[in-house]
C-alpha cells in the first residue's frame, strides 16, 4: 500500500517547520499521581470508529498511568475535525479522505492539525445478503442503499469511488442516510435496503451481516473499474481485504481507499502527544489481540504512510526514538 497522500511542497515546508520544534521531556511521578485527561472523539454507536476508539482508549489507559483517555461518541469524521479545530476534543479518529481534505486544504488553508498515528486501511465496498441477485455495483442502481451517517468520512470515499465509474449516490441510487452507523446492517437484514456501503477490515456492519444466518456477499469495483477510479481520483490507493476477513469470504477483495488517521488538536502539548504515541505502539500486540483491524496500527505503518511533516512533534520524537524505518 502506498503512502497516505502527496502534499504540495509549500505546505510540507511550512508544516515541517512547525512540527520539528523541540519537544519537552516527559515528566513521571507527578503525572502518574495526577493523570492528564485526554478526550478521544470516535463516531456513532455500532460503527468501526467507536469500536476501535473504545479499545484504543482501554489499551492506552492500561499501559500509560500518566494519561486517562475517555472515548466519547460523536457524529463521525466531519464532526471530529470541527471538534479538533476548536479544541473541544484532544484526539479524533478521522477517515482518510476527510483527513486528506483537511490537511491538504483543497483550495483552503490547511487545518492546523497533526497526525498521532495511523489507524487502518479502508478499502470501500458494499455488502448485500448472500442470496441476493446483486453481484456488481451496477446491479444496485435504483435500489435503496445505506451510505452511512451524515458526518461519516466514508460517504466521501463512496462519492469518489462511484464517481470514478460514472455514478453518484444521490442520483443513481435510493440513498439512505443513517442516524447511527449501527442501523445499517439491520436495514439490510430486514430487507429494507439492498446494500450497505462501508469500508475497512473487521468493520462492524459487515461483520453483523456476514455472521447472520443469511450471510453476506461483498461487491467491490472490478479491476477495470479500479483503474478508472484511480485515473479520476489519484489520491486514492489500491487496497485489499484479505480472504477470510469476514465469515464466508473465501477470496481476497480488491478495492480502493485511504488509511484512516488519529489526529490531534492544534495545541496538544508535545509531552502528551509523545506519551500517547508511546502507549499506542507499546500496546500494538494488545490492540491487535482485541481487534483484527488493530494489527495495522503500528509505528512502522505510521512511518511508512504519513509524511514526517504531518506528524505532531511529540509523536515524531517518539517515532525517532523507536527507530522505525521510513520508506
Protein backbone atom coordinates (compact mmCIF):
# COMPACT_ATOMS: atom_id res chain seq x y z
CA UNK A 1 0.00 0.00 0.00
CA UNK A 2 1.33 3.42 -0.88
CA UNK A 3 1.68 6.46 1.33
CA UNK A 4 -1.30 8.42 2.55
CA UNK A 5 -1.05 11.32 0.14
CA UNK A 6 1.37 13.63 -1.61
CA UNK A 7 1.15 17.25 -0.43
CA UNK A 8 2.27 20.47 -2.11
CA UNK A 9 5.89 21.31 -1.34
CA UNK A 10 5.00 24.66 0.21
CA UNK A 11 2.57 23.00 2.60
CA UNK A 12 5.11 20.38 3.59
CA UNK A 13 7.77 23.01 4.20
CA UNK A 14 5.59 25.11 6.46
CA UNK A 15 4.26 22.12 8.37
CA UNK A 16 7.73 20.70 8.72
CA UNK A 17 8.98 23.91 10.31
CA UNK A 18 6.14 23.77 12.80
CA UNK A 19 6.34 20.10 13.75
CA UNK A 20 10.11 19.80 14.04
CA UNK A 21 10.30 22.15 17.05
CA UNK A 22 12.00 20.62 20.09
CA UNK A 23 9.60 18.65 22.30
CA UNK A 24 9.79 18.95 26.10
CA UNK A 25 10.96 15.95 28.09
CA UNK A 26 8.45 13.63 29.67
CA UNK A 27 7.74 14.02 33.39
CA UNK A 28 6.97 10.99 35.54
CA UNK A 29 5.88 10.86 39.19
CA UNK A 30 3.69 13.95 39.14
CA UNK A 31 1.79 12.88 36.01
CA UNK A 32 1.30 9.36 37.44
CA UNK A 33 -0.36 10.83 40.55
CA UNK A 34 -2.46 13.27 38.52
CA UNK A 35 -3.01 11.72 35.08
CA UNK A 36 -3.65 14.03 32.17
CA UNK A 37 -7.23 13.79 30.93
CA UNK A 38 -7.49 13.17 27.17
CA UNK A 39 -10.79 13.24 25.27
CA UNK A 40 -10.92 10.98 22.20
CA UNK A 41 -13.69 11.55 19.62
CA UNK A 42 -14.88 8.36 17.89
CA UNK A 43 -18.20 8.16 15.96
CA UNK A 44 -21.79 6.91 16.27
CA UNK A 45 -22.68 3.65 18.07
CA UNK A 46 -22.31 0.49 16.04
CA UNK A 47 -19.60 1.84 13.75
CA UNK A 48 -15.97 0.87 13.34
CA UNK A 49 -14.57 4.06 14.85
CA UNK A 50 -16.44 3.72 18.13
CA UNK A 51 -15.34 0.10 18.46
CA UNK A 52 -11.72 0.94 17.64
CA UNK A 53 -11.67 4.05 19.82
CA UNK A 54 -13.00 2.28 22.89
CA UNK A 55 -10.38 -0.47 22.63
CA UNK A 56 -7.64 2.05 21.89
CA UNK A 57 -8.54 4.09 24.98
CA UNK A 58 -8.50 0.96 27.15
CA UNK A 59 -5.08 -0.11 25.84
CA UNK A 60 -3.58 3.34 26.43
CA UNK A 61 -5.04 3.56 29.93
CA UNK A 62 -3.66 0.13 30.82
CA UNK A 63 -0.15 0.99 29.64
CA UNK A 64 0.26 4.68 30.48
CA UNK A 65 -0.67 5.63 34.05
CA UNK A 66 0.11 9.31 33.37
CA UNK A 67 -2.86 9.52 30.97
CA UNK A 68 -6.58 8.92 31.30
CA UNK A 69 -8.21 8.67 27.87
CA UNK A 70 -12.00 8.98 27.60
CA UNK A 71 -13.52 7.79 24.33
CA UNK A 72 -16.72 9.69 23.52
CA UNK A 73 -19.30 9.10 20.80
CA UNK A 74 -19.54 11.77 18.09
CA UNK A 75 -21.24 12.00 14.72
CA UNK A 76 -18.06 10.88 12.95
CA UNK A 77 -15.08 12.18 10.99
CA UNK A 78 -16.54 15.50 9.86
CA UNK A 79 -17.60 16.49 13.36
CA UNK A 80 -14.32 15.22 14.81
CA UNK A 81 -12.45 17.61 12.55
CA UNK A 82 -14.56 20.53 13.78
CA UNK A 83 -14.13 19.47 17.41
CA UNK A 84 -10.36 19.19 16.96
CA UNK A 85 -10.07 22.59 15.29
CA UNK A 86 -11.91 24.22 18.19
CA UNK A 87 -10.01 22.15 20.80
CA UNK A 88 -13.22 20.61 22.16
CA UNK A 89 -11.56 17.21 21.92
CA UNK A 90 -7.87 16.35 22.16
CA UNK A 91 -7.73 13.39 19.78
CA UNK A 92 -10.05 12.39 16.95
CA UNK A 93 -10.46 9.40 14.65
CA UNK A 94 -10.79 10.62 11.07
CA UNK A 95 -11.44 8.67 7.86
CA UNK A 96 -8.64 9.04 5.32
CA UNK A 97 -10.47 11.10 2.70
CA UNK A 98 -11.82 13.54 5.27
CA UNK A 99 -8.34 13.79 6.82
CA UNK A 100 -6.73 14.39 3.42
CA UNK A 101 -9.12 17.22 2.58
CA UNK A 102 -8.49 18.88 5.94
CA UNK A 103 -4.70 18.51 5.95
CA UNK A 104 -4.21 19.48 2.31
CA UNK A 105 -6.76 22.27 2.34
CA UNK A 106 -8.28 21.61 -1.08
CA UNK A 107 -8.06 25.27 -2.09
CA UNK A 108 -8.48 26.44 1.50
CA UNK A 109 -5.95 26.97 4.27
CA UNK A 110 -4.88 23.54 5.56
CA UNK A 111 -6.25 22.71 9.01
CA UNK A 112 -3.79 23.27 11.83
CA UNK A 113 -3.96 19.64 12.92
CA UNK A 114 -1.32 16.96 13.24
CA UNK A 115 -1.14 13.17 12.99
CA UNK A 116 -0.55 11.00 16.03
CA UNK A 117 -0.74 7.59 14.29
CA UNK A 118 -2.40 5.67 11.50
CA UNK A 119 -5.47 3.57 12.27
CA UNK A 120 -6.06 1.06 9.47
CA UNK A 121 -6.67 0.96 5.69
CA UNK A 122 -10.23 1.43 4.44
CA UNK A 123 -10.93 -0.41 1.17
CA UNK A 124 -14.51 0.52 0.24
CA UNK A 125 -17.19 -1.95 -0.82
CA UNK A 126 -20.87 -2.88 -0.49
CA UNK A 127 -22.37 -5.75 1.49
CA UNK A 128 -25.56 -7.49 0.34
CA UNK A 129 -27.30 -10.63 1.54
CA UNK A 130 -25.61 -13.79 0.24
CA UNK A 131 -28.75 -14.97 -1.59
CA UNK A 132 -29.47 -11.60 -3.25
CA UNK A 133 -29.26 -11.23 -7.03
CA UNK A 134 -26.73 -8.36 -6.81
CA UNK A 135 -23.19 -9.18 -7.94
CA UNK A 136 -21.72 -5.92 -9.27
CA UNK A 137 -22.07 -2.25 -8.47
CA UNK A 138 -24.30 -1.58 -11.48
CA UNK A 139 -26.84 -4.11 -10.16
CA UNK A 140 -27.55 -1.75 -7.26
CA UNK A 141 -28.60 1.19 -9.44
CA UNK A 142 -32.03 2.47 -8.45
CA UNK A 143 -32.04 0.34 -5.29
CA UNK A 144 -32.14 1.61 -1.67
CA UNK A 145 -28.58 1.62 -0.33
CA UNK A 146 -27.31 2.89 3.03
CA UNK A 147 -24.34 5.24 2.66
CA UNK A 148 -23.52 5.85 6.32
CA UNK A 149 -24.23 8.74 8.64
CA UNK A 150 -24.30 12.37 7.55
CA UNK A 151 -20.92 13.18 9.12
CA UNK A 152 -19.17 9.96 8.12
CA UNK A 153 -15.99 10.27 6.09
CA UNK A 154 -16.92 7.03 4.34
CA UNK A 155 -19.50 8.98 2.37
CA UNK A 156 -16.63 10.94 0.81
CA UNK A 157 -14.99 7.68 -0.24
CA UNK A 158 -18.30 6.41 -1.66
CA UNK A 159 -18.73 9.59 -3.70
CA UNK A 160 -15.21 9.39 -5.16
CA UNK A 161 -15.34 5.66 -5.86
CA UNK A 162 -18.71 5.84 -7.59
CA UNK A 163 -17.79 8.99 -9.49
CA UNK A 164 -14.88 7.06 -10.97
CA UNK A 165 -17.34 4.67 -12.62
CA UNK A 166 -19.81 7.36 -13.67
CA UNK A 167 -22.27 7.01 -10.79
CA UNK A 168 -23.40 9.19 -7.88
CA UNK A 169 -25.08 8.16 -4.59
CA UNK A 170 -27.80 10.80 -4.78
CA UNK A 171 -28.54 10.36 -8.49
CA UNK A 172 -28.20 6.66 -9.25
CA UNK A 173 -29.32 5.06 -6.00
CA UNK A 174 -32.09 5.47 -3.48
CA UNK A 175 -29.67 6.93 -0.95
CA UNK A 176 -30.36 6.21 2.71
CA UNK A 177 -28.53 8.33 5.31
CA UNK A 178 -28.33 6.87 8.81
CA UNK A 179 -28.63 8.44 12.24
CA UNK A 180 -26.40 5.73 13.73
CA UNK A 181 -23.91 3.53 11.89
CA UNK A 182 -25.28 0.50 13.74
CA UNK A 183 -28.65 0.87 11.98
CA UNK A 184 -27.22 -0.01 8.56
CA UNK A 185 -26.78 -3.79 8.83
CA UNK A 186 -30.19 -4.13 10.47
CA UNK A 187 -31.83 -2.49 7.46
CA UNK A 188 -30.08 -4.97 5.15
CA UNK A 189 -31.02 -7.99 7.26
CA UNK A 190 -34.65 -6.84 7.42
CA UNK A 191 -34.77 -6.44 3.64
CA UNK A 192 -35.46 -2.69 3.86
CA UNK A 193 -32.39 -1.80 1.80
CA UNK A 194 -30.49 -3.74 -0.85
CA UNK A 195 -26.96 -2.98 0.32
CA UNK A 196 -24.76 -1.42 2.97
CA UNK A 197 -21.78 0.74 1.97
CA UNK A 198 -18.75 0.53 4.22
CA UNK A 199 -15.01 0.04 4.37
CA UNK A 200 -12.20 -1.46 6.35
CA UNK A 201 -11.03 -4.65 7.99
CA UNK A 202 -13.33 -6.13 10.62
CA UNK A 203 -15.89 -3.36 10.03
CA UNK A 204 -18.77 -4.00 12.49
CA UNK A 205 -21.58 -3.51 9.94
CA UNK A 206 -20.05 -6.07 7.61
CA UNK A 207 -19.35 -8.45 10.49
CA UNK A 208 -23.00 -8.34 11.59
CA UNK A 209 -24.31 -9.23 8.12
CA UNK A 210 -21.65 -11.87 7.43
CA UNK A 211 -22.23 -13.55 10.80
CA UNK A 212 -26.00 -13.63 10.36
CA UNK A 213 -27.91 -16.70 9.22
CA UNK A 214 -28.41 -15.06 5.82
CA UNK A 215 -24.69 -14.36 5.32
CA UNK A 216 -23.10 -11.68 3.17
CA UNK A 217 -21.77 -11.18 -0.33
CA UNK A 218 -19.37 -8.28 -0.92
CA UNK A 219 -19.39 -6.09 -4.02
CA UNK A 220 -16.32 -4.04 -4.93
CA UNK A 221 -15.14 -2.38 -8.16
CA UNK A 222 -13.86 -4.67 -10.90
CA UNK A 223 -10.17 -4.50 -11.83
CA UNK A 224 -11.05 -2.32 -14.81
CA UNK A 225 -13.19 -0.04 -12.63
CA UNK A 226 -10.38 0.33 -10.09
CA UNK A 227 -8.15 1.71 -12.82
CA UNK A 228 -10.86 4.13 -13.93
CA UNK A 229 -11.37 5.31 -10.35
CA UNK A 230 -7.64 5.86 -9.80
CA UNK A 231 -7.33 7.76 -13.07
CA UNK A 232 -10.04 10.21 -11.98
CA UNK A 233 -9.16 10.30 -8.26
CA UNK A 234 -5.41 9.65 -7.99
CA UNK A 235 -5.36 10.47 -4.29
CA UNK A 236 -6.98 7.08 -3.65
CA UNK A 237 -4.88 3.93 -3.25
CA UNK A 238 -5.41 0.30 -4.17
CA UNK A 239 -6.22 -1.77 -1.08
CA UNK A 240 -7.36 -5.31 -0.39
CA UNK A 241 -9.44 -7.15 2.18
CA UNK A 242 -7.62 -10.44 2.87
CA UNK A 243 -9.53 -13.68 2.31
CA UNK A 244 -11.22 -14.89 5.47
CA UNK A 245 -11.60 -11.44 6.97
CA UNK A 246 -15.37 -11.93 7.08
CA UNK A 247 -17.33 -15.16 7.51
CA UNK A 248 -17.91 -16.80 4.13
CA UNK A 249 -15.39 -14.55 2.33
CA UNK A 250 -13.21 -17.09 0.57
CA UNK A 251 -11.27 -14.77 -1.75
CA UNK A 252 -9.35 -11.53 -1.42
CA UNK A 253 -11.40 -8.44 -2.28
CA UNK A 254 -9.60 -5.64 -4.13
CA UNK A 255 -10.81 -2.06 -3.96
CA UNK A 256 -9.61 1.49 -3.29
CA UNK A 257 -9.44 3.70 -0.22
CA UNK A 258 -7.12 5.55 2.14
CA UNK A 259 -5.73 4.94 5.61
CA UNK A 260 -7.78 6.42 8.43
CA UNK A 261 -5.78 8.54 10.86
CA UNK A 262 -5.64 9.52 14.51
CA UNK A 263 -5.39 13.33 14.57
CA UNK A 264 -4.75 15.70 17.47
CA UNK A 265 -5.80 19.27 18.23
CA UNK A 266 -3.53 22.20 17.33
CA UNK A 267 -2.07 22.94 20.77
CA UNK A 268 -1.87 19.48 22.29
CA UNK A 269 1.33 19.58 24.41
CA UNK A 270 4.23 17.73 22.85
CA UNK A 271 4.75 15.76 26.06
CA UNK A 272 1.18 14.44 25.93
CA UNK A 273 1.45 13.52 22.24
CA UNK A 274 4.71 11.70 22.98
CA UNK A 275 3.14 9.64 25.75
CA UNK A 276 0.08 8.86 23.62
CA UNK A 277 2.20 7.66 20.70
CA UNK A 278 4.40 5.63 23.04
CA UNK A 279 1.42 3.93 24.69
CA UNK A 280 -0.31 3.20 21.36
CA UNK A 281 2.72 1.47 19.95
CA UNK A 282 3.79 -0.29 23.11
CA UNK A 283 0.27 -1.67 23.00
CA UNK A 284 0.38 -2.88 19.41
CA UNK A 285 0.14 -6.51 20.46
CA UNK A 286 -2.72 -5.90 22.90
CA UNK A 287 -4.72 -3.89 20.35
CA UNK A 288 -4.26 -6.50 17.62
CA UNK A 289 -5.49 -9.21 20.01
CA UNK A 290 -8.64 -7.19 20.69
CA UNK A 291 -9.41 -6.21 17.09
CA UNK A 292 -8.45 -7.61 13.69
CA UNK A 293 -8.03 -4.07 12.36
CA UNK A 294 -5.82 -3.21 15.33
CA UNK A 295 -2.90 -5.08 13.79
CA UNK A 296 -2.48 -2.23 11.30
CA UNK A 297 -2.00 0.44 13.98
CA UNK A 298 1.78 0.17 14.15
CA UNK A 299 4.68 2.57 14.39
CA UNK A 300 6.09 1.14 11.16
CA UNK A 301 2.85 1.73 9.25
CA UNK A 302 2.71 5.28 10.59
CA UNK A 303 6.24 5.96 9.42
CA UNK A 304 5.51 4.43 6.02
CA UNK A 305 2.12 6.01 5.38
CA UNK A 306 2.38 9.50 6.90
CA UNK A 307 4.78 12.23 5.68
CA UNK A 308 7.04 13.27 8.56
CA UNK A 309 5.93 16.89 8.27
CA UNK A 310 2.36 15.93 9.19
CA UNK A 311 3.29 14.26 12.49
CA UNK A 312 2.80 16.10 15.75
CA UNK A 313 6.26 16.99 17.04
CA UNK A 314 5.73 14.93 20.21
CA UNK A 315 4.75 11.87 18.18
CA UNK A 316 7.64 12.49 15.77
CA UNK A 317 10.03 12.41 18.71
CA UNK A 318 8.67 9.02 19.77
CA UNK A 319 8.99 7.55 16.26
CA UNK A 320 12.54 8.83 16.05
CA UNK A 321 13.41 7.18 19.35
CA UNK A 322 11.65 3.98 18.25
CA UNK A 323 13.93 3.99 15.20
CA UNK A 324 11.24 2.97 12.71
CA UNK A 325 12.20 2.87 9.06
CA UNK A 326 10.73 5.34 6.57
CA UNK A 327 10.11 4.05 3.06
